[in-house]
Amino acid sequence: MNQMNALAAIVAVSLAMLGTASKSAAQQGGSNEDEAAIRKVIVEMTEGFNNHDGKAAARMYSPDARFVSVRGDMMNGQAGIEKGLSAILTSRAKNATQRTIDVTVRFIRPDVALANVTNELSGLVAPDGHALPSHQELSLRVFVKDVGVWQIAAFHNTMIAPFSPPVR
């Protein structure tokens, strides 16, 4: 029985070490150039939003991407995301601006990365037409590198402290 316990302990330690090594390698999987390319895509998304250009704000999504807005609107595919963003940018966000506060990029694999992006939005209007106060949003963006190009496979957005003033 002691040999079984010793074997189980060796297996557990080996698996733990393998998991740590894999996690470490995954976090270091992307190059500086890859991170710079992802950050450039994030800037392009923000510029598209601020120019109220749905096509420019959506061109970086993969054909089968999924987008979930802060209000829970769900859009599927690059074409669907472009259509949905265009509708938002010509209605409730037609005078809105977005300012990026923070970006963190973490590589899962050399060709998959997560980006957490904090933005401050101002100029939005509620469905009833009244002006909404400026607020911060946090998005999680899943990037996938395909044929040397970083695209967004998934985007999910949420408000930060939606019922209290933003932290300054």
N, C-alpha and C. Protein backbone atom coordinates (compact mmCIF):
# COMPACT_ATOMS: atom_id res chain seq x y z
N MET A 1 0.82 -1.19 0.00
CA MET A 1 0.00 0.00 0.00
C MET A 1 0.86 1.26 0.00
N ASN A 2 2.00 1.22 0.69
CA ASN A 2 2.90 2.37 0.72
C ASN A 2 3.47 2.67 -0.66
N GLN A 3 3.74 1.60 -1.43
CA GLN A 3 4.25 1.81 -2.79
C GLN A 3 3.19 2.48 -3.65
N MET A 4 1.92 2.13 -3.46
CA MET A 4 0.83 2.76 -4.23
C MET A 4 0.72 4.24 -3.87
N ASN A 5 0.84 4.53 -2.56
CA ASN A 5 0.77 5.93 -2.13
C ASN A 5 1.95 6.72 -2.69
N ALA A 6 3.13 6.11 -2.67
CA ALA A 6 4.32 6.78 -3.21
C ALA A 6 4.17 7.01 -4.71
N LEU A 7 3.65 6.01 -5.42
CA LEU A 7 3.44 6.15 -6.87
C LEU A 7 2.42 7.25 -7.16
N ALA A 8 1.35 7.27 -6.37
CA ALA A 8 0.32 8.30 -6.56
C ALA A 8 0.92 9.69 -6.31
N ALA A 9 1.76 9.81 -5.30
CA ALA A 9 2.40 11.10 -5.01
C ALA A 9 3.32 11.52 -6.14
N ILE A 10 4.08 10.60 -6.69
CA ILE A 10 4.98 10.91 -7.81
C ILE A 10 4.18 11.36 -9.03
N VAL A 11 3.10 10.65 -9.32
CA VAL A 11 2.25 11.01 -10.46
C VAL A 11 1.66 12.41 -10.24
N ALA A 12 1.16 12.68 -9.03
CA ALA A 12 0.56 13.98 -8.73
C ALA A 12 1.56 15.11 -8.89
N VAL A 13 2.77 14.92 -8.35
CA VAL A 13 3.81 15.94 -8.46
C VAL A 13 4.21 16.14 -9.92
N SER A 14 4.35 15.03 -10.66
CA SER A 14 4.72 15.12 -12.08
C SER A 14 3.67 15.89 -12.87
N LEU A 15 2.40 15.59 -12.63
CA LEU A 15 1.33 16.30 -13.33
C LEU A 15 1.31 17.77 -12.96
N ALA A 16 1.53 18.07 -11.69
CA ALA A 16 1.56 19.47 -11.25
C ALA A 16 2.69 20.22 -11.93
N MET A 17 3.86 19.57 -12.01
CA MET A 17 5.01 20.22 -12.65
C MET A 17 4.76 20.40 -14.15
N LEU A 18 4.16 19.42 -14.78
CA LEU A 18 3.85 19.51 -16.20
C LEU A 18 2.86 20.64 -16.45
N GLY A 19 1.84 20.73 -15.60
CA GLY A 19 0.85 21.80 -15.74
C GLY A 19 1.48 23.17 -15.57
N THR A 20 2.40 23.33 -14.63
CA THR A 20 3.08 24.60 -14.41
C THR A 20 3.96 24.94 -15.60
N ALA A 21 4.68 23.96 -16.11
CA ALA A 21 5.55 24.20 -17.26
C ALA A 21 4.72 24.58 -18.48
N SER A 22 3.60 23.89 -18.69
CA SER A 22 2.74 24.20 -19.84
C SER A 22 2.15 25.59 -19.71
N LYS A 23 1.71 25.94 -18.51
CA LYS A 23 1.13 27.27 -18.29
C LYS A 23 2.17 28.34 -18.53
N SER A 24 3.37 28.14 -18.03
CA SER A 24 4.43 29.11 -18.21
C SER A 24 4.76 29.28 -19.69
N ALA A 25 4.88 28.18 -20.40
CA ALA A 25 5.19 28.25 -21.83
C ALA A 25 4.05 28.93 -22.59
N ALA A 26 2.80 28.66 -22.20
CA ALA A 26 1.66 29.25 -22.90
C ALA A 26 1.64 30.76 -22.69
N GLN A 27 1.95 31.22 -21.49
CA GLN A 27 1.93 32.64 -21.21
C GLN A 27 3.04 33.37 -21.97
N GLN A 28 4.08 32.68 -22.33
CA GLN A 28 5.19 33.30 -23.04
C GLN A 28 5.15 32.96 -24.53
N GLY A 29 4.02 32.41 -25.00
CA GLY A 29 3.93 31.92 -26.36
C GLY A 29 3.97 32.97 -27.44
N GLY A 30 3.55 34.19 -27.14
CA GLY A 30 3.51 35.22 -28.16
C GLY A 30 4.76 36.07 -28.15
N SER A 31 5.12 36.55 -29.32
CA SER A 31 6.29 37.42 -29.44
C SER A 31 5.91 38.87 -29.18
N ASN A 32 6.92 39.72 -29.04
CA ASN A 32 6.66 41.16 -28.89
C ASN A 32 5.94 41.69 -30.12
N GLU A 33 6.28 41.16 -31.29
CA GLU A 33 5.63 41.58 -32.53
C GLU A 33 4.16 41.18 -32.53
N ASP A 34 3.86 39.99 -32.00
CA ASP A 34 2.47 39.55 -31.92
C ASP A 34 1.67 40.46 -30.98
N GLU A 35 2.25 40.77 -29.83
CA GLU A 35 1.54 41.65 -28.90
C GLU A 35 1.33 43.02 -29.52
N ALA A 36 2.33 43.55 -30.20
CA ALA A 36 2.19 44.85 -30.87
C ALA A 36 1.09 44.80 -31.93
N ALA A 37 1.01 43.70 -32.67
CA ALA A 37 -0.03 43.55 -33.70
C ALA A 37 -1.43 43.53 -33.06
N ILE A 38 -1.56 42.83 -31.94
CA ILE A 38 -2.85 42.78 -31.24
C ILE A 38 -3.22 44.17 -30.73
N ARG A 39 -2.26 44.86 -30.14
CA ARG A 39 -2.53 46.22 -29.64
C ARG A 39 -2.92 47.15 -30.80
N LYS A 40 -2.33 46.96 -31.96
CA LYS A 40 -2.68 47.77 -33.13
C LYS A 40 -4.13 47.51 -33.54
N VAL A 41 -4.55 46.26 -33.50
CA VAL A 41 -5.94 45.93 -33.83
C VAL A 41 -6.88 46.61 -32.84
N ILE A 42 -6.52 46.63 -31.57
CA ILE A 42 -7.36 47.28 -30.55
C ILE A 42 -7.47 48.77 -30.84
N VAL A 43 -6.38 49.41 -31.23
CA VAL A 43 -6.41 50.83 -31.60
C VAL A 43 -7.32 51.04 -32.80
N GLU A 44 -7.22 50.17 -33.81
CA GLU A 44 -8.07 50.28 -35.00
C GLU A 44 -9.55 50.13 -34.64
N MET A 45 -9.86 49.25 -33.71
CA MET A 45 -11.25 49.09 -33.27
C MET A 45 -11.76 50.37 -32.63
N THR A 46 -10.93 50.96 -31.77
CA THR A 46 -11.30 52.20 -31.09
C THR A 46 -11.49 53.33 -32.09
N GLU A 47 -10.58 53.43 -33.05
CA GLU A 47 -10.70 54.47 -34.07
C GLU A 47 -11.97 54.29 -34.89
N GLY A 48 -12.30 53.05 -35.25
CA GLY A 48 -13.53 52.78 -35.98
C GLY A 48 -14.75 53.23 -35.19
N PHE A 49 -14.74 52.92 -33.88
CA PHE A 49 -15.84 53.33 -33.00
C PHE A 49 -15.94 54.86 -32.97
N ASN A 50 -14.80 55.52 -32.71
CA ASN A 50 -14.82 56.97 -32.58
C ASN A 50 -15.16 57.69 -33.89
N ASN A 51 -14.91 57.04 -35.02
CA ASN A 51 -15.29 57.59 -36.33
C ASN A 51 -16.70 57.16 -36.72
N HIS A 52 -17.36 56.41 -35.85
CA HIS A 52 -18.73 55.93 -36.08
C HIS A 52 -18.83 55.16 -37.39
N ASP A 53 -17.82 54.32 -37.61
CA ASP A 53 -17.69 53.55 -38.83
C ASP A 53 -17.78 52.06 -38.49
N GLY A 54 -18.95 51.48 -38.66
CA GLY A 54 -19.18 50.09 -38.32
C GLY A 54 -18.29 49.13 -39.08
N LYS A 55 -18.02 49.45 -40.34
CA LYS A 55 -17.16 48.58 -41.14
C LYS A 55 -15.73 48.57 -40.58
N ALA A 56 -15.20 49.75 -40.27
CA ALA A 56 -13.84 49.84 -39.72
C ALA A 56 -13.76 49.22 -38.32
N ALA A 57 -14.83 49.32 -37.55
CA ALA A 57 -14.85 48.78 -36.19
C ALA A 57 -15.03 47.28 -36.18
N ALA A 58 -15.41 46.69 -37.32
CA ALA A 58 -15.71 45.26 -37.37
C ALA A 58 -14.80 44.45 -38.28
N ARG A 59 -13.95 45.10 -39.04
CA ARG A 59 -13.18 44.36 -40.05
C ARG A 59 -12.18 43.37 -39.46
N MET A 60 -11.87 43.48 -38.18
CA MET A 60 -10.88 42.60 -37.55
C MET A 60 -11.49 41.33 -36.94
N TYR A 61 -12.80 41.15 -37.09
CA TYR A 61 -13.46 39.95 -36.56
C TYR A 61 -13.35 38.81 -37.56
N SER A 62 -13.22 37.60 -37.05
CA SER A 62 -13.18 36.42 -37.92
C SER A 62 -14.59 36.17 -38.48
N PRO A 63 -14.69 35.43 -39.57
CA PRO A 63 -16.00 35.19 -40.18
C PRO A 63 -17.01 34.53 -39.24
N ASP A 64 -16.52 33.77 -38.25
CA ASP A 64 -17.43 33.09 -37.33
C ASP A 64 -17.37 33.65 -35.91
N ALA A 65 -16.93 34.89 -35.77
CA ALA A 65 -16.78 35.51 -34.45
C ALA A 65 -18.14 35.73 -33.78
N ARG A 66 -18.08 35.92 -32.48
CA ARG A 66 -19.28 36.27 -31.70
C ARG A 66 -18.95 37.52 -30.90
N PHE A 67 -19.89 38.46 -30.90
CA PHE A 67 -19.76 39.74 -30.19
C PHE A 67 -20.93 39.87 -29.23
N VAL A 68 -20.65 40.16 -27.97
CA VAL A 68 -21.69 40.43 -26.98
C VAL A 68 -21.44 41.82 -26.42
N SER A 69 -22.42 42.70 -26.61
CA SER A 69 -22.28 44.08 -26.14
C SER A 69 -22.55 44.17 -24.65
N VAL A 70 -22.29 45.36 -24.12
CA VAL A 70 -22.51 45.61 -22.70
C VAL A 70 -23.99 45.47 -22.33
N ARG A 71 -24.87 45.67 -23.29
CA ARG A 71 -26.31 45.53 -23.05
C ARG A 71 -26.81 44.12 -23.31
N GLY A 72 -25.91 43.23 -23.70
CA GLY A 72 -26.31 41.85 -23.95
C GLY A 72 -26.72 41.58 -25.38
N ASP A 73 -26.55 42.58 -26.27
CA ASP A 73 -26.83 42.35 -27.69
C ASP A 73 -25.81 41.34 -28.20
N MET A 74 -26.27 40.32 -28.92
CA MET A 74 -25.36 39.32 -29.43
C MET A 74 -25.35 39.39 -30.96
N MET A 75 -24.14 39.43 -31.51
CA MET A 75 -23.97 39.49 -32.96
C MET A 75 -23.04 38.35 -33.36
N ASN A 76 -23.35 37.73 -34.50
CA ASN A 76 -22.58 36.58 -34.95
C ASN A 76 -21.99 36.82 -36.32
N GLY A 77 -20.72 36.42 -36.49
CA GLY A 77 -20.04 36.54 -37.76
C GLY A 77 -19.61 37.96 -38.05
N GLN A 78 -18.56 38.09 -38.84
CA GLN A 78 -18.02 39.41 -39.16
C GLN A 78 -19.09 40.29 -39.79
N ALA A 79 -19.86 39.75 -40.72
CA ALA A 79 -20.90 40.54 -41.38
C ALA A 79 -22.00 40.96 -40.40
N GLY A 80 -22.40 40.05 -39.51
CA GLY A 80 -23.41 40.38 -38.50
C GLY A 80 -22.92 41.41 -37.51
N ILE A 81 -21.64 41.32 -37.14
CA ILE A 81 -21.06 42.29 -36.21
C ILE A 81 -20.99 43.65 -36.87
N GLU A 82 -20.57 43.70 -38.12
CA GLU A 82 -20.53 44.98 -38.84
C GLU A 82 -21.92 45.62 -38.89
N LYS A 83 -22.92 44.83 -39.21
CA LYS A 83 -24.30 45.33 -39.29
C LYS A 83 -24.77 45.84 -37.92
N GLY A 84 -24.51 45.06 -36.87
CA GLY A 84 -24.93 45.46 -35.52
C GLY A 84 -24.21 46.69 -35.03
N LEU A 85 -22.88 46.75 -35.23
CA LEU A 85 -22.12 47.92 -34.80
C LEU A 85 -22.54 49.16 -35.59
N SER A 86 -22.79 48.99 -36.88
CA SER A 86 -23.23 50.12 -37.70
C SER A 86 -24.54 50.68 -37.16
N ALA A 87 -25.46 49.80 -36.78
CA ALA A 87 -26.74 50.24 -36.22
C ALA A 87 -26.54 51.00 -34.91
N ILE A 88 -25.67 50.48 -34.06
CA ILE A 88 -25.39 51.15 -32.77
C ILE A 88 -24.71 52.50 -33.00
N LEU A 89 -23.74 52.53 -33.91
CA LEU A 89 -22.96 53.75 -34.14
C LEU A 89 -23.73 54.84 -34.88
N THR A 90 -24.87 54.50 -35.45
CA THR A 90 -25.69 55.52 -36.11
C THR A 90 -26.93 55.86 -35.29
N SER A 91 -27.05 55.27 -34.10
CA SER A 91 -28.21 55.54 -33.24
C SER A 91 -27.73 55.98 -31.85
N ARG A 92 -27.78 55.09 -30.91
CA ARG A 92 -27.49 55.46 -29.52
C ARG A 92 -26.04 55.86 -29.27
N ALA A 93 -25.14 55.52 -30.19
CA ALA A 93 -23.73 55.88 -30.02
C ALA A 93 -23.26 56.87 -31.08
N LYS A 94 -24.20 57.56 -31.75
CA LYS A 94 -23.80 58.42 -32.87
C LYS A 94 -22.92 59.60 -32.42
N ASN A 95 -22.97 59.97 -31.15
CA ASN A 95 -22.12 61.04 -30.63
C ASN A 95 -21.14 60.53 -29.58
N ALA A 96 -21.03 59.24 -29.48
CA ALA A 96 -20.20 58.64 -28.43
C ALA A 96 -18.72 58.64 -28.80
N THR A 97 -17.90 58.67 -27.78
CA THR A 97 -16.46 58.51 -27.95
C THR A 97 -15.97 57.49 -26.93
N GLN A 98 -14.89 56.86 -27.31
CA GLN A 98 -14.29 55.81 -26.49
C GLN A 98 -12.82 56.16 -26.27
N ARG A 99 -12.38 56.01 -25.01
CA ARG A 99 -10.98 56.25 -24.68
C ARG A 99 -10.44 55.02 -23.97
N THR A 100 -9.36 54.46 -24.51
CA THR A 100 -8.75 53.27 -23.90
C THR A 100 -7.94 53.68 -22.69
N ILE A 101 -8.21 53.00 -21.59
CA ILE A 101 -7.52 53.27 -20.32
C ILE A 101 -6.43 52.24 -20.06
N ASP A 102 -6.72 50.96 -20.37
CA ASP A 102 -5.76 49.91 -20.05
C ASP A 102 -5.96 48.73 -21.00
N VAL A 103 -4.85 48.10 -21.36
CA VAL A 103 -4.87 46.89 -22.18
C VAL A 103 -3.89 45.90 -21.58
N THR A 104 -4.37 44.67 -21.37
CA THR A 104 -3.50 43.58 -20.92
C THR A 104 -3.66 42.43 -21.91
N VAL A 105 -2.55 41.94 -22.41
CA VAL A 105 -2.56 40.83 -23.37
C VAL A 105 -1.89 39.63 -22.72
N ARG A 106 -2.54 38.48 -22.81
CA ARG A 106 -1.99 37.23 -22.27
C ARG A 106 -2.12 36.15 -23.34
N PHE A 107 -1.02 35.54 -23.67
CA PHE A 107 -1.02 34.48 -24.68
C PHE A 107 -1.36 33.14 -24.04
N ILE A 108 -2.32 32.46 -24.64
CA ILE A 108 -2.70 31.11 -24.22
C ILE A 108 -1.83 30.11 -24.96
N ARG A 109 -1.64 30.38 -26.24
CA ARG A 109 -0.76 29.62 -27.14
C ARG A 109 -0.13 30.67 -28.06
N PRO A 110 0.87 30.31 -28.82
CA PRO A 110 1.46 31.30 -29.73
C PRO A 110 0.46 31.91 -30.71
N ASP A 111 -0.65 31.19 -30.99
CA ASP A 111 -1.63 31.69 -31.94
C ASP A 111 -2.98 32.05 -31.32
N VAL A 112 -3.05 32.10 -29.98
CA VAL A 112 -4.28 32.46 -29.27
C VAL A 112 -3.92 33.38 -28.11
N ALA A 113 -4.61 34.51 -28.03
CA ALA A 113 -4.34 35.46 -26.95
C ALA A 113 -5.64 36.03 -26.41
N LEU A 114 -5.62 36.37 -25.14
CA LEU A 114 -6.72 37.07 -24.49
C LEU A 114 -6.29 38.51 -24.26
N ALA A 115 -7.17 39.44 -24.58
CA ALA A 115 -6.90 40.85 -24.29
C ALA A 115 -8.03 41.37 -23.40
N ASN A 116 -7.66 41.91 -22.25
CA ASN A 116 -8.60 42.61 -21.39
C ASN A 116 -8.40 44.09 -21.66
N VAL A 117 -9.47 44.77 -22.06
CA VAL A 117 -9.38 46.18 -22.44
C VAL A 117 -10.38 46.97 -21.61
N THR A 118 -9.88 48.00 -20.93
CA THR A 118 -10.74 48.91 -20.18
C THR A 118 -10.86 50.20 -20.97
N ASN A 119 -12.10 50.58 -21.25
CA ASN A 119 -12.39 51.83 -21.98
C ASN A 119 -13.31 52.70 -21.15
N GLU A 120 -13.23 54.00 -21.41
CA GLU A 120 -14.21 54.93 -20.88
C GLU A 120 -15.04 55.41 -22.06
N LEU A 121 -16.35 55.34 -21.91
CA LEU A 121 -17.27 55.78 -22.95
C LEU A 121 -18.04 57.00 -22.49
N SER A 122 -18.23 57.91 -23.40
CA SER A 122 -19.06 59.08 -23.12
C SER A 122 -19.88 59.39 -24.36
N GLY A 123 -21.00 60.07 -24.15
CA GLY A 123 -21.85 60.48 -25.25
C GLY A 123 -22.90 59.48 -25.68
N LEU A 124 -23.08 58.40 -24.93
CA LEU A 124 -24.11 57.42 -25.26
C LEU A 124 -25.48 57.93 -24.81
N VAL A 125 -26.52 57.43 -25.47
CA VAL A 125 -27.88 57.76 -25.04
C VAL A 125 -28.62 56.46 -24.73
N ALA A 126 -29.55 56.58 -23.81
CA ALA A 126 -30.38 55.44 -23.40
C ALA A 126 -31.44 55.19 -24.48
N PRO A 127 -32.09 54.03 -24.44
CA PRO A 127 -33.15 53.75 -25.42
C PRO A 127 -34.24 54.82 -25.46
N ASP A 128 -34.50 55.48 -24.32
CA ASP A 128 -35.52 56.54 -24.31
C ASP A 128 -34.99 57.89 -24.79
N GLY A 129 -33.69 57.95 -25.15
CA GLY A 129 -33.12 59.17 -25.72
C GLY A 129 -32.39 60.08 -24.77
N HIS A 130 -32.45 59.81 -23.46
CA HIS A 130 -31.73 60.70 -22.54
C HIS A 130 -30.24 60.34 -22.49
N ALA A 131 -29.43 61.36 -22.26
CA ALA A 131 -27.97 61.19 -22.23
C ALA A 131 -27.56 60.36 -21.02
N LEU A 132 -26.66 59.43 -21.26
CA LEU A 132 -26.12 58.61 -20.18
C LEU A 132 -24.80 59.20 -19.69
N PRO A 133 -24.51 59.05 -18.40
CA PRO A 133 -23.21 59.54 -17.91
C PRO A 133 -22.06 58.70 -18.47
N SER A 134 -20.89 59.28 -18.50
CA SER A 134 -19.69 58.53 -18.90
C SER A 134 -19.52 57.35 -17.97
N HIS A 135 -19.00 56.28 -18.48
CA HIS A 135 -18.77 55.09 -17.66
C HIS A 135 -17.61 54.30 -18.25
N GLN A 136 -17.13 53.35 -17.45
CA GLN A 136 -16.05 52.47 -17.91
C GLN A 136 -16.60 51.09 -18.23
N GLU A 137 -16.00 50.48 -19.24
CA GLU A 137 -16.36 49.13 -19.63
C GLU A 137 -15.10 48.29 -19.73
N LEU A 138 -15.24 47.01 -19.41
CA LEU A 138 -14.15 46.06 -19.52
C LEU A 138 -14.56 45.00 -20.54
N SER A 139 -13.73 44.81 -21.54
CA SER A 139 -14.03 43.78 -22.54
C SER A 139 -12.96 42.70 -22.49
N LEU A 140 -13.40 41.49 -22.78
CA LEU A 140 -12.51 40.36 -22.97
C LEU A 140 -12.57 40.03 -24.45
N ARG A 141 -11.41 40.05 -25.11
CA ARG A 141 -11.33 39.80 -26.54
C ARG A 141 -10.42 38.60 -26.76
N VAL A 142 -10.93 37.62 -27.47
CA VAL A 142 -10.16 36.42 -27.78
C VAL A 142 -9.61 36.60 -29.20
N PHE A 143 -8.29 36.63 -29.30
CA PHE A 143 -7.61 36.80 -30.58
C PHE A 143 -7.06 35.47 -31.05
N VAL A 144 -7.18 35.22 -32.35
CA VAL A 144 -6.62 34.02 -32.96
C VAL A 144 -5.80 34.45 -34.18
N LYS A 145 -4.61 33.89 -34.28
CA LYS A 145 -3.73 34.21 -35.41
C LYS A 145 -3.93 33.14 -36.47
N ASP A 146 -4.36 33.58 -37.66
CA ASP A 146 -4.61 32.66 -38.76
C ASP A 146 -3.91 33.20 -40.00
N VAL A 147 -3.05 32.42 -40.58
CA VAL A 147 -2.28 32.80 -41.77
C VAL A 147 -1.55 34.13 -41.51
N GLY A 148 -0.99 34.27 -40.32
CA GLY A 148 -0.18 35.43 -39.97
C GLY A 148 -0.96 36.67 -39.58
N VAL A 149 -2.30 36.58 -39.52
CA VAL A 149 -3.13 37.75 -39.20
C VAL A 149 -3.90 37.49 -37.91
N TRP A 150 -3.85 38.47 -37.00
CA TRP A 150 -4.60 38.38 -35.75
C TRP A 150 -6.03 38.87 -35.98
N GLN A 151 -7.00 38.00 -35.64
CA GLN A 151 -8.41 38.34 -35.74
C GLN A 151 -9.09 38.06 -34.41
N ILE A 152 -10.23 38.70 -34.22
CA ILE A 152 -10.99 38.48 -33.00
C ILE A 152 -12.01 37.38 -33.24
N ALA A 153 -11.95 36.35 -32.40
CA ALA A 153 -12.89 35.24 -32.48
C ALA A 153 -14.07 35.45 -31.54
N ALA A 154 -13.85 36.21 -30.45
CA ALA A 154 -14.92 36.47 -29.49
C ALA A 154 -14.65 37.77 -28.75
N PHE A 155 -15.73 38.49 -28.47
CA PHE A 155 -15.67 39.77 -27.76
C PHE A 155 -16.83 39.78 -26.79
N HIS A 156 -16.55 40.08 -25.53
CA HIS A 156 -17.61 40.20 -24.52
C HIS A 156 -17.31 41.42 -23.67
N ASN A 157 -18.32 42.25 -23.49
CA ASN A 157 -18.16 43.54 -22.83
C ASN A 157 -19.05 43.61 -21.59
N THR A 158 -18.56 44.28 -20.56
CA THR A 158 -19.36 44.49 -19.36
C THR A 158 -19.03 45.84 -18.75
N MET A 159 -20.00 46.42 -18.05
CA MET A 159 -19.77 47.70 -17.39
C MET A 159 -19.01 47.47 -16.09
N ILE A 160 -18.15 48.42 -15.78
CA ILE A 160 -17.45 48.40 -14.50
C ILE A 160 -18.26 49.26 -13.53
N ALA A 161 -18.65 48.68 -12.41
CA ALA A 161 -19.42 49.39 -11.40
C ALA A 161 -20.55 50.21 -12.02
N PRO A 162 -21.53 49.55 -12.66
CA PRO A 162 -22.54 50.28 -13.41
C PRO A 162 -23.46 51.17 -12.56
N PHE A 163 -23.51 50.95 -11.27
CA PHE A 163 -24.41 51.74 -10.46
C PHE A 163 -23.69 52.68 -9.49
N SER A 164 -22.41 52.90 -9.77
CA SER A 164 -21.65 53.87 -8.97
C SER A 164 -20.75 54.65 -9.91
N PRO A 165 -20.31 55.84 -9.48
CA PRO A 165 -19.44 56.63 -10.37
C PRO A 165 -18.13 55.92 -10.65
N PRO A 166 -17.55 56.15 -11.86
CA PRO A 166 -16.27 55.51 -12.17
C PRO A 166 -15.17 55.96 -11.22
N VAL A 167 -14.25 55.04 -10.96
CA VAL A 167 -13.11 55.35 -10.11
C VAL A 167 -12.14 56.19 -10.93
N ARG A 168 -11.68 57.27 -10.38
CA ARG A 168 -10.73 58.16 -11.09
C ARG A 168 -9.38 58.08 -10.46
